[in-house]
Amino acid sequence: MNLRHSLFALALLLSPAAAFAHGGHDQAGVLAGLVHPVLGLDHLLAMLAVGLWAAQQTGAARWALPLTFVASMLLGGLFGFAGLQIPLMETGIAGSVLAFGLLLAVAVRLPTALALGLTALFALTHGVAHGLELPALASRWSYALGFVIATAALHASGYLMVRLLPQAAASLLRLAGAASAVTGVWLLAN
């Protein structure tokens, strides 16, 4: 993939025309869970950013960040299934888009405990949102399986994008992080 194609794909991904509404409510089970993280731009950007950011790390953080996100998101999903509401949930989700975008843009390597704690906290907000938006006819477990698979796939996509692009594309990653951060600011303002 050349630079022009990469830029075009990035522009499509970050396009304001992407759906902000969380889809999947007319689906059931695994399909509903698969669709929810992909059609909500806030979820999509945060989950891709976690994979991109993980690929910028060294050692165990490369796999621990995405794994922590998925596990914490699943726990949050269980809380959401039980009807637990957390204060400022949507603010936390928008904040995750901003924070992960900034972390990606500056290619920062936080101390592992801090990075994992931040990741877990933000993932919990995403999970509660997923759980609260369980479609009426969907099985909790098949829906959860769907959003876990979609999230892991988004993390893997971000990770592989970094690992497979040439080092010259590092500036693209920083640009993607900055665009995500700007989107996070916009989400927080709205």
C-alpha atoms as a PDB file:
ATOM      1  CA  MET A   1       0.000   0.000   0.000  1.00  0.00           C
ATOM      2  CA  ASN A   2       1.506   3.314  -0.962  1.00  0.00           C
ATOM      3  CA  LEU A   3       1.372   6.572   0.952  1.00  0.00           C
ATOM      4  CA  ARG A   4      -1.491   7.947  -1.139  1.00  0.00           C
ATOM      5  CA  HIS A   5      -3.640   4.888  -0.438  1.00  0.00           C
ATOM      6  CA  SER A   6      -2.776   5.061   3.250  1.00  0.00           C
ATOM      7  CA  LEU A   7      -3.797   8.714   3.421  1.00  0.00           C
ATOM      8  CA  PHE A   8      -7.034   7.999   1.575  1.00  0.00           C
ATOM      9  CA  ALA A   9      -7.890   5.133   3.940  1.00  0.00           C
ATOM     10  CA  LEU A  10      -7.105   7.341   6.933  1.00  0.00           C
ATOM     11  CA  ALA A  11      -9.293  10.137   5.549  1.00  0.00           C
ATOM     12  CA  LEU A  12     -12.201   7.740   5.081  1.00  0.00           C
ATOM     13  CA  LEU A  13     -11.760   6.379   8.573  1.00  0.00           C
ATOM     14  CA  LEU A  14     -11.759   9.825  10.133  1.00  0.00           C
ATOM     15  CA  SER A  15     -14.485  11.225   7.895  1.00  0.00           C
ATOM     16  CA  PRO A  16     -17.289  13.078   9.672  1.00  0.00           C
ATOM     17  CA  ALA A  17     -19.679  11.198   7.405  1.00  0.00           C
ATOM     18  CA  ALA A  18     -19.052   8.067   9.462  1.00  0.00           C
ATOM     19  CA  ALA A  19     -21.971   7.080  11.646  1.00  0.00           C
ATOM     20  CA  PHE A  20     -21.941   8.530  15.137  1.00  0.00           C
ATOM     21  CA  ALA A  21     -25.034   6.614  16.143  1.00  0.00           C
ATOM     22  CA  HIS A  22     -24.294   3.217  17.545  1.00  0.00           C
ATOM     23  CA  GLY A  23     -25.634   0.645  15.162  1.00  0.00           C
ATOM     24  CA  GLY A  24     -26.623  -2.937  15.587  1.00  0.00           C
ATOM     25  CA  HIS A  25     -29.895  -2.335  17.380  1.00  0.00           C
ATOM     26  CA  ASP A  26     -31.845  -3.912  14.551  1.00  0.00           C
ATOM     27  CA  GLN A  27     -29.652  -7.016  14.762  1.00  0.00           C
ATOM     28  CA  ALA A  28     -29.468  -9.701  17.402  1.00  0.00           C
ATOM     29  CA  GLY A  29     -26.721 -11.593  19.163  1.00  0.00           C
ATOM     30  CA  VAL A  30     -23.199 -11.791  17.821  1.00  0.00           C
ATOM     31  CA  LEU A  31     -23.953  -9.583  14.816  1.00  0.00           C
ATOM     32  CA  ALA A  32     -25.279  -6.793  17.046  1.00  0.00           C
ATOM     33  CA  GLY A  33     -22.146  -7.029  19.175  1.00  0.00           C
ATOM     34  CA  LEU A  34     -19.882  -7.007  16.129  1.00  0.00           C
ATOM     35  CA  VAL A  35     -21.568  -3.958  14.650  1.00  0.00           C
ATOM     36  CA  HIS A  36     -21.769  -1.769  17.764  1.00  0.00           C
ATOM     37  CA  PRO A  37     -18.047  -0.898  18.151  1.00  0.00           C
ATOM     38  CA  VAL A  38     -17.544  -0.475  14.419  1.00  0.00           C
ATOM     39  CA  LEU A  39     -20.450   1.891  13.720  1.00  0.00           C
ATOM     40  CA  GLY A  40     -19.955   4.149  16.725  1.00  0.00           C
ATOM     41  CA  LEU A  41     -17.172   6.512  15.669  1.00  0.00           C
ATOM     42  CA  ASP A  42     -16.217   7.150  19.293  1.00  0.00           C
ATOM     43  CA  HIS A  43     -15.725   3.420  19.922  1.00  0.00           C
ATOM     44  CA  LEU A  44     -14.032   2.836  16.580  1.00  0.00           C
ATOM     45  CA  LEU A  45     -11.436   5.588  17.042  1.00  0.00           C
ATOM     46  CA  ALA A  46     -10.607   4.634  20.635  1.00  0.00           C
ATOM     47  CA  MET A  47     -10.228   0.940  19.839  1.00  0.00           C
ATOM     48  CA  LEU A  48      -8.085   1.515  16.765  1.00  0.00           C
ATOM     49  CA  ALA A  49      -5.960   3.973  18.746  1.00  0.00           C
ATOM     50  CA  VAL A  50      -5.336   1.365  21.458  1.00  0.00           C
ATOM     51  CA  GLY A  51      -3.954  -1.011  18.827  1.00  0.00           C
ATOM     52  CA  LEU A  52      -1.870   1.729  17.220  1.00  0.00           C
ATOM     53  CA  TRP A  53      -0.571   2.879  20.604  1.00  0.00           C
ATOM     54  CA  ALA A  54       0.202  -0.686  21.702  1.00  0.00           C
ATOM     55  CA  ALA A  55       2.334  -1.164  18.593  1.00  0.00           C
ATOM     56  CA  GLN A  56       4.394   1.880  19.585  1.00  0.00           C
ATOM     57  CA  GLN A  57       5.227   0.257  22.937  1.00  0.00           C
ATOM     58  CA  THR A  58       7.919  -2.209  23.864  1.00  0.00           C
ATOM     59  CA  GLY A  59       7.849  -5.501  25.729  1.00  0.00           C
ATOM     60  CA  ALA A  60       4.739  -6.768  27.483  1.00  0.00           C
ATOM     61  CA  ALA A  61       2.851  -3.493  26.999  1.00  0.00           C
ATOM     62  CA  ARG A  62       2.361  -4.428  23.341  1.00  0.00           C
ATOM     63  CA  TRP A  63      -0.062  -7.188  24.254  1.00  0.00           C
ATOM     64  CA  ALA A  64      -1.064  -6.064  27.752  1.00  0.00           C
ATOM     65  CA  LEU A  65      -2.743  -2.820  26.626  1.00  0.00           C
ATOM     66  CA  PRO A  66      -5.189  -4.443  24.169  1.00  0.00           C
ATOM     67  CA  LEU A  67      -5.789  -7.406  26.495  1.00  0.00           C
ATOM     68  CA  THR A  68      -6.520  -5.048  29.401  1.00  0.00           C
ATOM     69  CA  PHE A  69      -8.898  -3.045  27.232  1.00  0.00           C
ATOM     70  CA  VAL A  70     -10.844  -6.129  26.139  1.00  0.00           C
ATOM     71  CA  ALA A  71     -11.042  -7.594  29.668  1.00  0.00           C
ATOM     72  CA  SER A  72     -12.110  -4.305  31.267  1.00  0.00           C
ATOM     73  CA  MET A  73     -14.590  -3.639  28.486  1.00  0.00           C
ATOM     74  CA  LEU A  74     -16.147  -7.070  29.020  1.00  0.00           C
ATOM     75  CA  LEU A  75     -16.423  -6.369  32.753  1.00  0.00           C
ATOM     76  CA  GLY A  76     -18.063  -3.030  31.947  1.00  0.00           C
ATOM     77  CA  GLY A  77     -20.414  -4.838  29.571  1.00  0.00           C
ATOM     78  CA  LEU A  78     -21.495  -7.129  32.408  1.00  0.00           C
ATOM     79  CA  PHE A  79     -22.138  -4.055  34.565  1.00  0.00           C
ATOM     80  CA  GLY A  80     -24.173  -2.539  31.747  1.00  0.00           C
ATOM     81  CA  PHE A  81     -26.198  -5.745  31.321  1.00  0.00           C
ATOM     82  CA  ALA A  82     -27.071  -5.421  35.023  1.00  0.00           C
ATOM     83  CA  GLY A  83     -28.275  -1.861  34.393  1.00  0.00           C
ATOM     84  CA  LEU A  84     -25.411  -0.164  36.232  1.00  0.00           C
ATOM     85  CA  GLN A  85     -25.006   3.417  35.072  1.00  0.00           C
ATOM     86  CA  ILE A  86     -21.726   5.190  35.664  1.00  0.00           C
ATOM     87  CA  PRO A  87     -21.483   8.950  35.969  1.00  0.00           C
ATOM     88  CA  LEU A  88     -20.071  10.778  32.969  1.00  0.00           C
ATOM     89  CA  MET A  89     -19.988   7.617  30.865  1.00  0.00           C
ATOM     90  CA  GLU A  90     -20.238   9.412  27.516  1.00  0.00           C
ATOM     91  CA  THR A  91     -17.679  11.957  28.710  1.00  0.00           C
ATOM     92  CA  GLY A  92     -15.347   9.073  29.562  1.00  0.00           C
ATOM     93  CA  ILE A  93     -15.815   7.571  26.115  1.00  0.00           C
ATOM     94  CA  ALA A  94     -15.157  10.902  24.379  1.00  0.00           C
ATOM     95  CA  GLY A  95     -12.232  11.464  26.748  1.00  0.00           C
ATOM     96  CA  SER A  96     -10.783   8.125  25.681  1.00  0.00           C
ATOM     97  CA  VAL A  97     -10.807   9.240  22.043  1.00  0.00           C
ATOM     98  CA  LEU A  98      -8.956  12.396  23.083  1.00  0.00           C
ATOM     99  CA  ALA A  99      -6.511  10.666  25.452  1.00  0.00           C
ATOM    100  CA  PHE A 100      -5.624   7.739  23.210  1.00  0.00           C
ATOM    101  CA  GLY A 101      -5.280  10.136  20.282  1.00  0.00           C
ATOM    102  CA  LEU A 102      -2.867  12.317  22.240  1.00  0.00           C
ATOM    103  CA  LEU A 103      -0.876   9.310  23.476  1.00  0.00           C
ATOM    104  CA  LEU A 104      -0.594   8.106  19.906  1.00  0.00           C
ATOM    105  CA  ALA A 105       0.253  11.538  18.508  1.00  0.00           C
ATOM    106  CA  VAL A 106       3.167  12.053  20.899  1.00  0.00           C
ATOM    107  CA  ALA A 107       4.165   8.359  20.841  1.00  0.00           C
ATOM    108  CA  VAL A 108       4.459   8.371  24.607  1.00  0.00           C
ATOM    109  CA  ARG A 109       5.455   5.364  26.673  1.00  0.00           C
ATOM    110  CA  LEU A 110       3.845   5.739  30.073  1.00  0.00           C
ATOM    111  CA  PRO A 111       4.891   3.583  33.015  1.00  0.00           C
ATOM    112  CA  THR A 112       3.171   0.233  32.465  1.00  0.00           C
ATOM    113  CA  ALA A 113       0.946   0.436  35.560  1.00  0.00           C
ATOM    114  CA  LEU A 114      -0.297   3.895  34.591  1.00  0.00           C
ATOM    115  CA  ALA A 115      -0.878   2.879  30.956  1.00  0.00           C
ATOM    116  CA  LEU A 116      -2.818  -0.215  32.017  1.00  0.00           C
ATOM    117  CA  GLY A 117      -4.863   1.688  34.596  1.00  0.00           C
ATOM    118  CA  LEU A 118      -5.794   4.389  32.109  1.00  0.00           C
ATOM    119  CA  THR A 119      -6.659   1.783  29.497  1.00  0.00           C
ATOM    120  CA  ALA A 120      -8.787  -0.194  31.969  1.00  0.00           C
ATOM    121  CA  LEU A 121     -10.693   2.879  33.118  1.00  0.00           C
ATOM    122  CA  PHE A 122     -11.543   4.015  29.606  1.00  0.00           C
ATOM    123  CA  ALA A 123     -12.404   0.474  28.496  1.00  0.00           C
ATOM    124  CA  LEU A 124     -14.823   0.153  31.409  1.00  0.00           C
ATOM    125  CA  THR A 125     -16.797   3.150  30.115  1.00  0.00           C
ATOM    126  CA  HIS A 126     -16.956   1.638  26.629  1.00  0.00           C
ATOM    127  CA  GLY A 127     -18.092  -1.693  28.076  1.00  0.00           C
ATOM    128  CA  VAL A 128     -20.853  -0.187  30.203  1.00  0.00           C
ATOM    129  CA  ALA A 129     -22.129   1.642  27.113  1.00  0.00           C
ATOM    130  CA  HIS A 130     -22.125  -1.618  25.138  1.00  0.00           C
ATOM    131  CA  GLY A 131     -23.946  -3.418  27.948  1.00  0.00           C
ATOM    132  CA  LEU A 132     -26.576  -0.726  28.380  1.00  0.00           C
ATOM    133  CA  GLU A 133     -27.289  -0.814  24.644  1.00  0.00           C
ATOM    134  CA  LEU A 134     -28.012  -4.539  24.537  1.00  0.00           C
ATOM    135  CA  PRO A 135     -30.686  -5.025  21.867  1.00  0.00           C
ATOM    136  CA  ALA A 136     -33.988  -6.239  23.313  1.00  0.00           C
ATOM    137  CA  LEU A 137     -33.964  -9.672  21.687  1.00  0.00           C
ATOM    138  CA  ALA A 138     -30.239 -10.342  21.877  1.00  0.00           C
ATOM    139  CA  SER A 139     -28.581 -12.915  24.081  1.00  0.00           C
ATOM    140  CA  ARG A 140     -26.196 -11.172  26.489  1.00  0.00           C
ATOM    141  CA  TRP A 141     -23.456 -13.715  25.880  1.00  0.00           C
ATOM    142  CA  SER A 142     -23.622 -13.764  22.104  1.00  0.00           C
ATOM    143  CA  TYR A 143     -23.786  -9.945  22.043  1.00  0.00           C
ATOM    144  CA  ALA A 144     -20.776  -9.772  24.395  1.00  0.00           C
ATOM    145  CA  LEU A 145     -18.905 -12.257  22.208  1.00  0.00           C
ATOM    146  CA  GLY A 146     -19.590 -10.012  19.228  1.00  0.00           C
ATOM    147  CA  PHE A 147     -18.314  -6.807  20.818  1.00  0.00           C
ATOM    148  CA  VAL A 148     -15.260  -8.597  22.224  1.00  0.00           C
ATOM    149  CA  ILE A 149     -14.401 -10.010  18.783  1.00  0.00           C
ATOM    150  CA  ALA A 150     -14.938  -6.628  17.084  1.00  0.00           C
ATOM    151  CA  THR A 151     -12.820  -4.829  19.675  1.00  0.00           C
ATOM    152  CA  ALA A 152      -9.990  -7.364  19.450  1.00  0.00           C
ATOM    153  CA  ALA A 153     -10.115  -7.105  15.649  1.00  0.00           C
ATOM    154  CA  LEU A 154      -9.913  -3.290  15.808  1.00  0.00           C
ATOM    155  CA  HIS A 155      -6.964  -3.498  18.204  1.00  0.00           C
ATOM    156  CA  ALA A 156      -5.251  -6.031  15.916  1.00  0.00           C
ATOM    157  CA  SER A 157      -5.931  -3.844  12.863  1.00  0.00           C
ATOM    158  CA  GLY A 158      -4.324  -0.838  14.510  1.00  0.00           C
ATOM    159  CA  TYR A 159      -1.395  -2.905  15.727  1.00  0.00           C
ATOM    160  CA  LEU A 160      -0.776  -4.495  12.329  1.00  0.00           C
ATOM    161  CA  MET A 161      -1.079  -1.149  10.585  1.00  0.00           C
ATOM    162  CA  VAL A 162       1.872   0.127  12.614  1.00  0.00           C
ATOM    163  CA  ARG A 163       3.904  -3.048  12.319  1.00  0.00           C
ATOM    164  CA  LEU A 164       3.399  -3.405   8.554  1.00  0.00           C
ATOM    165  CA  LEU A 165       3.831   0.201   7.468  1.00  0.00           C
ATOM    166  CA  PRO A 166       7.345   1.414   6.837  1.00  0.00           C
ATOM    167  CA  GLN A 167       9.037   3.529   9.498  1.00  0.00           C
ATOM    168  CA  ALA A 168       8.501   6.541   7.249  1.00  0.00           C
ATOM    169  CA  ALA A 169       4.790   6.232   8.101  1.00  0.00           C
ATOM    170  CA  ALA A 170       5.407   7.224  11.736  1.00  0.00           C
ATOM    171  CA  SER A 171       4.320  10.736  10.871  1.00  0.00           C
ATOM    172  CA  LEU A 172       1.026   9.301   9.571  1.00  0.00           C
ATOM    173  CA  LEU A 173       0.443   7.653  12.925  1.00  0.00           C
ATOM    174  CA  ARG A 174       1.052  10.901  14.725  1.00  0.00           C
ATOM    175  CA  LEU A 175      -1.323  12.629  12.338  1.00  0.00           C
ATOM    176  CA  ALA A 176      -3.948   9.933  12.996  1.00  0.00           C
ATOM    177  CA  GLY A 177      -3.464  10.447  16.726  1.00  0.00           C
ATOM    178  CA  ALA A 178      -3.851  14.183  16.382  1.00  0.00           C
ATOM    179  CA  ALA A 179      -7.010  13.737  14.288  1.00  0.00           C
ATOM    180  CA  SER A 180      -8.406  11.372  16.909  1.00  0.00           C
ATOM    181  CA  ALA A 181      -7.584  13.862  19.662  1.00  0.00           C
ATOM    182  CA  VAL A 182      -9.328  16.658  17.761  1.00  0.00           C
ATOM    183  CA  THR A 183     -12.343  14.390  17.292  1.00  0.00           C
ATOM    184  CA  GLY A 184     -12.277  13.672  21.038  1.00  0.00           C
ATOM    185  CA  VAL A 185     -12.344  17.406  21.774  1.00  0.00           C
ATOM    186  CA  TRP A 186     -15.259  17.794  19.364  1.00  0.00           C
ATOM    187  CA  LEU A 187     -17.124  14.897  21.027  1.00  0.00           C
ATOM    188  CA  LEU A 188     -16.541  16.431  24.462  1.00  0.00           C
ATOM    189  CA  ALA A 189     -17.847  19.781  23.263  1.00  0.00           C
ATOM    190  CA  ASN A 190     -21.066  18.277  21.879  1.00  0.00           C
END
